[in-house]
Amino acid sequence: MKLSSLMRPTFAVAARPSLWLTAVRQLTRMAPDGWWHRPPFLPIPPADYLGFRLQTQYGDADAQPLGADVVNYLQWVRMWDRAGR
């Protein structure tokens, strides 16, 4: 997955401040250990994991994730995290 394909979901989440903390939490959960030592120095999940998630969501590991789908996922994560407390 290209870094540029993450722009649409990033903008969709940026427009929803209530999901910012959840998004950061999820990035840190999925980011590989020591991500700050490797370019692009961002907590981006491994490419094989993203490919698997895109394959299961859209049927194509090279699909562009939709902003609405990422927002729905983060809303679900936030609800799941709150239910577990």
PDB file of N, CA and C in Angstrom:
ATOM      1  N   MET A   1       0.847  -1.174   0.000  1.00  0.00           N
ATOM      2  CA  MET A   1       0.000   0.000   0.000  1.00  0.00           C
ATOM      3  C   MET A   1       0.890   1.234   0.000  1.00  0.00           C
ATOM      4  N   LYS A   2       0.533   2.167  -0.818  1.00  0.00           N
ATOM      5  CA  LYS A   2       1.278   3.421  -0.883  1.00  0.00           C
ATOM      6  C   LYS A   2       0.818   4.363   0.225  1.00  0.00           C
ATOM      7  N   LEU A   3       1.773   5.127   0.713  1.00  0.00           N
ATOM      8  CA  LEU A   3       1.458   6.092   1.766  1.00  0.00           C
ATOM      9  C   LEU A   3       0.397   7.086   1.292  1.00  0.00           C
ATOM     10  N   SER A   4       0.405   7.417   0.010  1.00  0.00           N
ATOM     11  CA  SER A   4      -0.569   8.376  -0.522  1.00  0.00           C
ATOM     12  C   SER A   4      -2.005   7.842  -0.459  1.00  0.00           C
ATOM     13  N   SER A   5      -2.175   6.515  -0.438  1.00  0.00           N
ATOM     14  CA  SER A   5      -3.531   5.964  -0.377  1.00  0.00           C
ATOM     15  C   SER A   5      -4.143   6.106   1.015  1.00  0.00           C
ATOM     16  N   LEU A   6      -3.340   6.518   1.983  1.00  0.00           N
ATOM     17  CA  LEU A   6      -3.853   6.736   3.325  1.00  0.00           C
ATOM     18  C   LEU A   6      -4.361   8.156   3.533  1.00  0.00           C
ATOM     19  N   MET A   7      -4.236   9.003   2.535  1.00  0.00           N
ATOM     20  CA  MET A   7      -4.634  10.397   2.687  1.00  0.00           C
ATOM     21  C   MET A   7      -6.141  10.556   2.869  1.00  0.00           C
ATOM     22  N   ARG A   8      -6.925   9.864   2.079  1.00  0.00           N
ATOM     23  CA  ARG A   8      -8.388   9.988   2.175  1.00  0.00           C
ATOM     24  C   ARG A   8      -8.887   9.583   3.565  1.00  0.00           C
ATOM     25  N   PRO A   9      -8.466   8.408   4.085  1.00  0.00           N
ATOM     26  CA  PRO A   9      -8.888   8.070   5.448  1.00  0.00           C
ATOM     27  C   PRO A   9      -8.353   9.042   6.495  1.00  0.00           C
ATOM     28  N   THR A  10      -7.154   9.550   6.291  1.00  0.00           N
ATOM     29  CA  THR A  10      -6.581  10.508   7.239  1.00  0.00           C
ATOM     30  C   THR A  10      -7.435  11.766   7.313  1.00  0.00           C
ATOM     31  N   PHE A  11      -7.841  12.286   6.168  1.00  0.00           N
ATOM     32  CA  PHE A  11      -8.694  13.477   6.149  1.00  0.00           C
ATOM     33  C   PHE A  11     -10.062  13.189   6.769  1.00  0.00           C
ATOM     34  N   ALA A  12     -10.604  11.987   6.520  1.00  0.00           N
ATOM     35  CA  ALA A  12     -11.906  11.633   7.089  1.00  0.00           C
ATOM     36  C   ALA A  12     -11.837  11.604   8.614  1.00  0.00           C
ATOM     37  N   VAL A  13     -10.732  11.081   9.154  1.00  0.00           N
ATOM     38  CA  VAL A  13     -10.579  11.031  10.609  1.00  0.00           C
ATOM     39  C   VAL A  13     -10.257  12.420  11.159  1.00  0.00           C
ATOM     40  N   ALA A  14      -9.469  13.192  10.434  1.00  0.00           N
ATOM     41  CA  ALA A  14      -9.116  14.546  10.884  1.00  0.00           C
ATOM     42  C   ALA A  14     -10.351  15.421  11.053  1.00  0.00           C
ATOM     43  N   ALA A  15     -11.395  15.142  10.287  1.00  0.00           N
ATOM     44  CA  ALA A  15     -12.626  15.924  10.373  1.00  0.00           C
ATOM     45  C   ALA A  15     -13.486  15.527  11.573  1.00  0.00           C
ATOM     46  N   ARG A  16     -13.039  14.499  12.319  1.00  0.00           N
ATOM     47  CA  ARG A  16     -13.805  14.015  13.473  1.00  0.00           C
ATOM     48  C   ARG A  16     -12.924  13.981  14.720  1.00  0.00           C
ATOM     49  N   PRO A  17     -12.778  15.100  15.395  1.00  0.00           N
ATOM     50  CA  PRO A  17     -11.908  15.162  16.583  1.00  0.00           C
ATOM     51  C   PRO A  17     -12.247  14.129  17.655  1.00  0.00           C
ATOM     52  N   SER A  18     -13.480  13.703  17.712  1.00  0.00           N
ATOM     53  CA  SER A  18     -13.860  12.713  18.730  1.00  0.00           C
ATOM     54  C   SER A  18     -13.177  11.362  18.490  1.00  0.00           C
ATOM     55  N   LEU A  19     -12.650  11.149  17.298  1.00  0.00           N
ATOM     56  CA  LEU A  19     -11.979   9.881  16.978  1.00  0.00           C
ATOM     57  C   LEU A  19     -10.458   9.983  17.001  1.00  0.00           C
ATOM     58  N   TRP A  20      -9.911  11.148  17.250  1.00  0.00           N
ATOM     59  CA  TRP A  20      -8.456  11.321  17.200  1.00  0.00           C
ATOM     60  C   TRP A  20      -7.730  10.419  18.184  1.00  0.00           C
ATOM     61  N   LEU A  21      -8.167  10.404  19.415  1.00  0.00           N
ATOM     62  CA  LEU A  21      -7.501   9.580  20.421  1.00  0.00           C
ATOM     63  C   LEU A  21      -7.588   8.098  20.058  1.00  0.00           C
ATOM     64  N   THR A  22      -8.746   7.675  19.595  1.00  0.00           N
ATOM     65  CA  THR A  22      -8.922   6.285  19.179  1.00  0.00           C
ATOM     66  C   THR A  22      -8.001   5.950  18.015  1.00  0.00           C
ATOM     67  N   ALA A  23      -7.877   6.859  17.061  1.00  0.00           N
ATOM     68  CA  ALA A  23      -7.011   6.630  15.902  1.00  0.00           C
ATOM     69  C   ALA A  23      -5.548   6.505  16.327  1.00  0.00           C
ATOM     70  N   VAL A  24      -5.105   7.375  17.196  1.00  0.00           N
ATOM     71  CA  VAL A  24      -3.722   7.313  17.682  1.00  0.00           C
ATOM     72  C   VAL A  24      -3.503   6.019  18.450  1.00  0.00           C
ATOM     73  N   ARG A  25      -4.455   5.652  19.279  1.00  0.00           N
ATOM     74  CA  ARG A  25      -4.354   4.409  20.045  1.00  0.00           C
ATOM     75  C   ARG A  25      -4.249   3.204  19.101  1.00  0.00           C
ATOM     76  N   GLN A  26      -5.060   3.173  18.063  1.00  0.00           N
ATOM     77  CA  GLN A  26      -5.019   2.061  17.119  1.00  0.00           C
ATOM     78  C   GLN A  26      -3.704   2.029  16.346  1.00  0.00           C
ATOM     79  N   LEU A  27      -3.213   3.194  15.956  1.00  0.00           N
ATOM     80  CA  LEU A  27      -1.921   3.225  15.255  1.00  0.00           C
ATOM     81  C   LEU A  27      -0.809   2.657  16.125  1.00  0.00           C
ATOM     82  N   THR A  28      -0.810   3.012  17.396  1.00  0.00           N
ATOM     83  CA  THR A  28       0.241   2.502  18.274  1.00  0.00           C
ATOM     84  C   THR A  28       0.069   1.009  18.542  1.00  0.00           C
ATOM     85  N   ARG A  29      -1.154   0.529  18.529  1.00  0.00           N
ATOM     86  CA  ARG A  29      -1.388  -0.908  18.717  1.00  0.00           C
ATOM     87  C   ARG A  29      -0.921  -1.713  17.504  1.00  0.00           C
ATOM     88  N   MET A  30      -1.102  -1.178  16.312  1.00  0.00           N
ATOM     89  CA  MET A  30      -0.782  -1.914  15.096  1.00  0.00           C
ATOM     90  C   MET A  30       0.627  -1.650  14.563  1.00  0.00           C
ATOM     91  N   ALA A  31       1.259  -0.598  15.022  1.00  0.00           N
ATOM     92  CA  ALA A  31       2.585  -0.235  14.505  1.00  0.00           C
ATOM     93  C   ALA A  31       3.630  -1.259  14.932  1.00  0.00           C
ATOM     94  N   PRO A  32       4.571  -1.529  14.054  1.00  0.00           N
ATOM     95  CA  PRO A  32       5.637  -2.468  14.420  1.00  0.00           C
ATOM     96  C   PRO A  32       6.552  -1.858  15.480  1.00  0.00           C
ATOM     97  N   ASP A  33       7.151  -2.713  16.279  1.00  0.00           N
ATOM     98  CA  ASP A  33       8.105  -2.240  17.281  1.00  0.00           C
ATOM     99  C   ASP A  33       9.247  -1.497  16.601  1.00  0.00           C
ATOM    100  N   GLY A  34       9.675  -0.411  17.200  1.00  0.00           N
ATOM    101  CA  GLY A  34      10.800   0.363  16.677  1.00  0.00           C
ATOM    102  C   GLY A  34      10.501   1.123  15.392  1.00  0.00           C
ATOM    103  N   TRP A  35       9.238   1.442  15.149  1.00  0.00           N
ATOM    104  CA  TRP A  35       8.865   2.136  13.912  1.00  0.00           C
ATOM    105  C   TRP A  35       9.598   3.459  13.754  1.00  0.00           C
ATOM    106  N   TRP A  36       9.986   4.076  14.851  1.00  0.00           N
ATOM    107  CA  TRP A  36      10.656   5.384  14.810  1.00  0.00           C
ATOM    108  C   TRP A  36      12.095   5.289  14.301  1.00  0.00           C
ATOM    109  N   HIS A  37      12.606   4.073  14.139  1.00  0.00           N
ATOM    110  CA  HIS A  37      13.968   3.884  13.641  1.00  0.00           C
ATOM    111  C   HIS A  37      14.026   3.706  12.119  1.00  0.00           C
ATOM    112  N   ARG A  38      12.856   3.541  11.469  1.00  0.00           N
ATOM    113  CA  ARG A  38      12.823   3.229  10.034  1.00  0.00           C
ATOM    114  C   ARG A  38      11.978   4.247   9.267  1.00  0.00           C
ATOM    115  N   PRO A  39      12.472   4.655   8.100  1.00  0.00           N
ATOM    116  CA  PRO A  39      11.662   5.554   7.264  1.00  0.00           C
ATOM    117  C   PRO A  39      10.345   4.877   6.922  1.00  0.00           C
ATOM    118  N   PRO A  40       9.279   5.584   6.848  1.00  0.00           N
ATOM    119  CA  PRO A  40       9.114   7.027   6.870  1.00  0.00           C
ATOM    120  C   PRO A  40       8.953   7.604   8.274  1.00  0.00           C
ATOM    121  N   PHE A  41       9.376   6.868   9.300  1.00  0.00           N
ATOM    122  CA  PHE A  41       9.354   7.342  10.692  1.00  0.00           C
ATOM    123  C   PHE A  41       7.939   7.683  11.165  1.00  0.00           C
ATOM    124  N   LEU A  42       6.997   6.868  10.738  1.00  0.00           N
ATOM    125  CA  LEU A  42       5.589   7.014  11.124  1.00  0.00           C
ATOM    126  C   LEU A  42       5.084   5.668  11.641  1.00  0.00           C
ATOM    127  N   PRO A  43       4.145   5.668  12.570  1.00  0.00           N
ATOM    128  CA  PRO A  43       3.623   4.408  13.116  1.00  0.00           C
ATOM    129  C   PRO A  43       2.617   3.736  12.176  1.00  0.00           C
ATOM    130  N   ILE A  44       3.084   3.351  11.015  1.00  0.00           N
ATOM    131  CA  ILE A  44       2.225   2.728  10.012  1.00  0.00           C
ATOM    132  C   ILE A  44       2.313   1.210  10.167  1.00  0.00           C
ATOM    133  N   PRO A  45       1.168   0.537  10.199  1.00  0.00           N
ATOM    134  CA  PRO A  45       1.187  -0.922  10.324  1.00  0.00           C
ATOM    135  C   PRO A  45       1.964  -1.565   9.167  1.00  0.00           C
ATOM    136  N   PRO A  46       2.481  -2.776   9.384  1.00  0.00           N
ATOM    137  CA  PRO A  46       3.229  -3.469   8.328  1.00  0.00           C
ATOM    138  C   PRO A  46       2.402  -3.641   7.051  1.00  0.00           C
ATOM    139  N   ALA A  47       3.072  -3.583   5.920  1.00  0.00           N
ATOM    140  CA  ALA A  47       2.401  -3.672   4.620  1.00  0.00           C
ATOM    141  C   ALA A  47       1.639  -4.984   4.459  1.00  0.00           C
ATOM    142  N   ASP A  48       2.190  -6.096   4.945  1.00  0.00           N
ATOM    143  CA  ASP A  48       1.485  -7.368   4.798  1.00  0.00           C
ATOM    144  C   ASP A  48       0.193  -7.395   5.618  1.00  0.00           C
ATOM    145  N   TYR A  49       0.198  -6.742   6.784  1.00  0.00           N
ATOM    146  CA  TYR A  49      -1.023  -6.656   7.588  1.00  0.00           C
ATOM    147  C   TYR A  49      -2.070  -5.797   6.867  1.00  0.00           C
ATOM    148  N   LEU A  50      -1.648  -4.638   6.367  1.00  0.00           N
ATOM    149  CA  LEU A  50      -2.590  -3.773   5.647  1.00  0.00           C
ATOM    150  C   LEU A  50      -3.131  -4.477   4.405  1.00  0.00           C
ATOM    151  N   GLY A  51      -2.256  -5.183   3.693  1.00  0.00           N
ATOM    152  CA  GLY A  51      -2.703  -5.931   2.520  1.00  0.00           C
ATOM    153  C   GLY A  51      -3.747  -6.972   2.880  1.00  0.00           C
ATOM    154  N   PHE A  52      -3.517  -7.688   3.993  1.00  0.00           N
ATOM    155  CA  PHE A  52      -4.487  -8.677   4.456  1.00  0.00           C
ATOM    156  C   PHE A  52      -5.818  -8.025   4.795  1.00  0.00           C
ATOM    157  N   ARG A  53      -5.778  -6.902   5.519  1.00  0.00           N
ATOM    158  CA  ARG A  53      -7.013  -6.216   5.894  1.00  0.00           C
ATOM    159  C   ARG A  53      -7.771  -5.712   4.658  1.00  0.00           C
ATOM    160  N   LEU A  54      -7.035  -5.173   3.688  1.00  0.00           N
ATOM    161  CA  LEU A  54      -7.681  -4.690   2.467  1.00  0.00           C
ATOM    162  C   LEU A  54      -8.254  -5.856   1.655  1.00  0.00           C
ATOM    163  N   GLN A  55      -7.537  -6.969   1.625  1.00  0.00           N
ATOM    164  CA  GLN A  55      -8.023  -8.151   0.905  1.00  0.00           C
ATOM    165  C   GLN A  55      -9.326  -8.648   1.518  1.00  0.00           C
ATOM    166  N   THR A  56      -9.381  -8.705   2.841  1.00  0.00           N
ATOM    167  CA  THR A  56     -10.600  -9.197   3.488  1.00  0.00           C
ATOM    168  C   THR A  56     -11.747  -8.183   3.413  1.00  0.00           C
ATOM    169  N   GLN A  57     -11.439  -6.891   3.375  1.00  0.00           N
ATOM    170  CA  GLN A  57     -12.485  -5.861   3.318  1.00  0.00           C
ATOM    171  C   GLN A  57     -13.016  -5.656   1.901  1.00  0.00           C
ATOM    172  N   TYR A  58     -12.087  -5.534   0.950  1.00  0.00           N
ATOM    173  CA  TYR A  58     -12.478  -5.142  -0.409  1.00  0.00           C
ATOM    174  C   TYR A  58     -12.251  -6.216  -1.461  1.00  0.00           C
ATOM    175  N   GLY A  59     -11.595  -7.323  -1.086  1.00  0.00           N
ATOM    176  CA  GLY A  59     -11.306  -8.376  -2.057  1.00  0.00           C
ATOM    177  C   GLY A  59     -10.097  -8.070  -2.911  1.00  0.00           C
ATOM    178  N   ASP A  60      -9.318  -7.060  -2.539  1.00  0.00           N
ATOM    179  CA  ASP A  60      -8.140  -6.655  -3.300  1.00  0.00           C
ATOM    180  C   ASP A  60      -7.132  -6.033  -2.340  1.00  0.00           C
ATOM    181  N   ALA A  61      -5.966  -6.646  -2.255  1.00  0.00           N
ATOM    182  CA  ALA A  61      -4.937  -6.148  -1.334  1.00  0.00           C
ATOM    183  C   ALA A  61      -4.396  -4.781  -1.737  1.00  0.00           C
ATOM    184  N   ASP A  62      -4.655  -4.366  -2.969  1.00  0.00           N
ATOM    185  CA  ASP A  62      -4.186  -3.064  -3.445  1.00  0.00           C
ATOM    186  C   ASP A  62      -5.284  -2.009  -3.473  1.00  0.00           C
ATOM    187  N   ALA A  63      -6.417  -2.317  -2.868  1.00  0.00           N
ATOM    188  CA  ALA A  63      -7.544  -1.370  -2.867  1.00  0.00           C
ATOM    189  C   ALA A  63      -7.193  -0.116  -2.072  1.00  0.00           C
ATOM    190  N   GLN A  64      -7.857   0.968  -2.408  1.00  0.00           N
ATOM    191  CA  GLN A  64      -7.718   2.220  -1.670  1.00  0.00           C
ATOM    192  C   GLN A  64      -8.762   2.206  -0.553  1.00  0.00           C
ATOM    193  N   PRO A  65      -8.347   2.310   0.706  1.00  0.00           N
ATOM    194  CA  PRO A  65      -9.338   2.297   1.783  1.00  0.00           C
ATOM    195  C   PRO A  65     -10.230   3.539   1.727  1.00  0.00           C
ATOM    196  N   LEU A  66     -11.485   3.331   1.999  1.00  0.00           N
ATOM    197  CA  LEU A  66     -12.444   4.435   2.002  1.00  0.00           C
ATOM    198  C   LEU A  66     -12.454   5.110   3.362  1.00  0.00           C
ATOM    199  N   GLY A  67     -12.532   6.424   3.351  1.00  0.00           N
ATOM    200  CA  GLY A  67     -12.558   7.180   4.589  1.00  0.00           C
ATOM    201  C   GLY A  67     -13.711   6.776   5.486  1.00  0.00           C
ATOM    202  N   ALA A  68     -14.868   6.563   4.903  1.00  0.00           N
ATOM    203  CA  ALA A  68     -16.051   6.185   5.695  1.00  0.00           C
ATOM    204  C   ALA A  68     -15.843   4.842   6.380  1.00  0.00           C
ATOM    205  N   ASP A  69     -15.163   3.913   5.718  1.00  0.00           N
ATOM    206  CA  ASP A  69     -14.905   2.606   6.324  1.00  0.00           C
ATOM    207  C   ASP A  69     -13.953   2.728   7.506  1.00  0.00           C
ATOM    208  N   VAL A  70     -12.946   3.564   7.385  1.00  0.00           N
ATOM    209  CA  VAL A  70     -12.001   3.766   8.481  1.00  0.00           C
ATOM    210  C   VAL A  70     -12.699   4.445   9.657  1.00  0.00           C
ATOM    211  N   VAL A  71     -13.541   5.417   9.371  1.00  0.00           N
ATOM    212  CA  VAL A  71     -14.300   6.095  10.427  1.00  0.00           C
ATOM    213  C   VAL A  71     -15.215   5.098  11.138  1.00  0.00           C
ATOM    214  N   ASN A  72     -15.922   4.263  10.379  1.00  0.00           N
ATOM    215  CA  ASN A  72     -16.791   3.249  10.987  1.00  0.00           C
ATOM    216  C   ASN A  72     -15.993   2.294  11.863  1.00  0.00           C
ATOM    217  N   TYR A  73     -14.823   1.869  11.382  1.00  0.00           N
ATOM    218  CA  TYR A  73     -13.959   0.977  12.156  1.00  0.00           C
ATOM    219  C   TYR A  73     -13.534   1.637  13.470  1.00  0.00           C
ATOM    220  N   LEU A  74     -13.113   2.890  13.403  1.00  0.00           N
ATOM    221  CA  LEU A  74     -12.671   3.583  14.617  1.00  0.00           C
ATOM    222  C   LEU A  74     -13.823   3.799  15.594  1.00  0.00           C
ATOM    223  N   GLN A  75     -15.010   4.051  15.080  1.00  0.00           N
ATOM    224  CA  GLN A  75     -16.170   4.186  15.960  1.00  0.00           C
ATOM    225  C   GLN A  75     -16.452   2.857  16.664  1.00  0.00           C
ATOM    226  N   TRP A  76     -16.307   1.752  15.924  1.00  0.00           N
ATOM    227  CA  TRP A  76     -16.499   0.440  16.518  1.00  0.00           C
ATOM    228  C   TRP A  76     -15.434   0.172  17.587  1.00  0.00           C
ATOM    229  N   VAL A  77     -14.176   0.496  17.295  1.00  0.00           N
ATOM    230  CA  VAL A  77     -13.091   0.298  18.258  1.00  0.00           C
ATOM    231  C   VAL A  77     -13.352   1.111  19.523  1.00  0.00           C
ATOM    232  N   ARG A  78     -13.752   2.357  19.357  1.00  0.00           N
ATOM    233  CA  ARG A  78     -14.026   3.213  20.514  1.00  0.00           C
ATOM    234  C   ARG A  78     -15.143   2.612  21.373  1.00  0.00           C
ATOM    235  N   MET A  79     -16.196   2.130  20.726  1.00  0.00           N
ATOM    236  CA  MET A  79     -17.301   1.517  21.446  1.00  0.00           C
ATOM    237  C   MET A  79     -16.834   0.236  22.150  1.00  0.00           C
ATOM    238  N   TRP A  80     -16.032  -0.571  21.472  1.00  0.00           N
ATOM    239  CA  TRP A  80     -15.525  -1.818  22.043  1.00  0.00           C
ATOM    240  C   TRP A  80     -14.621  -1.531  23.249  1.00  0.00           C
ATOM    241  N   ASP A  81     -13.741  -0.537  23.120  1.00  0.00           N
ATOM    242  CA  ASP A  81     -12.851  -0.173  24.224  1.00  0.00           C
ATOM    243  C   ASP A  81     -13.657   0.304  25.439  1.00  0.00           C
ATOM    244  N   ARG A  82     -14.669   1.098  25.199  1.00  0.00           N
ATOM    245  CA  ARG A  82     -15.482   1.611  26.307  1.00  0.00           C
ATOM    246  C   ARG A  82     -16.272   0.493  26.989  1.00  0.00           C
ATOM    247  N   ALA A  83     -16.720  -0.479  26.212  1.00  0.00           N
ATOM    248  CA  ALA A  83     -17.498  -1.582  26.763  1.00  0.00           C
ATOM    249  C   ALA A  83     -16.624  -2.488  27.636  1.00  0.00           C
ATOM    250  N   GLY A  84     -15.341  -2.527  27.345  1.00  0.00           N
ATOM    251  CA  GLY A  84     -14.443  -3.385  28.105  1.00  0.00           C
ATOM    252  C   GLY A  84     -13.980  -2.807  29.416  1.00  0.00           C
ATOM    253  N   ARG A  85     -14.275  -1.567  29.684  1.00  0.00           N
ATOM    254  CA  ARG A  85     -13.828  -0.920  30.918  1.00  0.00           C
ATOM    255  C   ARG A  85     -14.809  -1.112  32.041  1.00  0.00           C
TER     256      ARG A  85
END
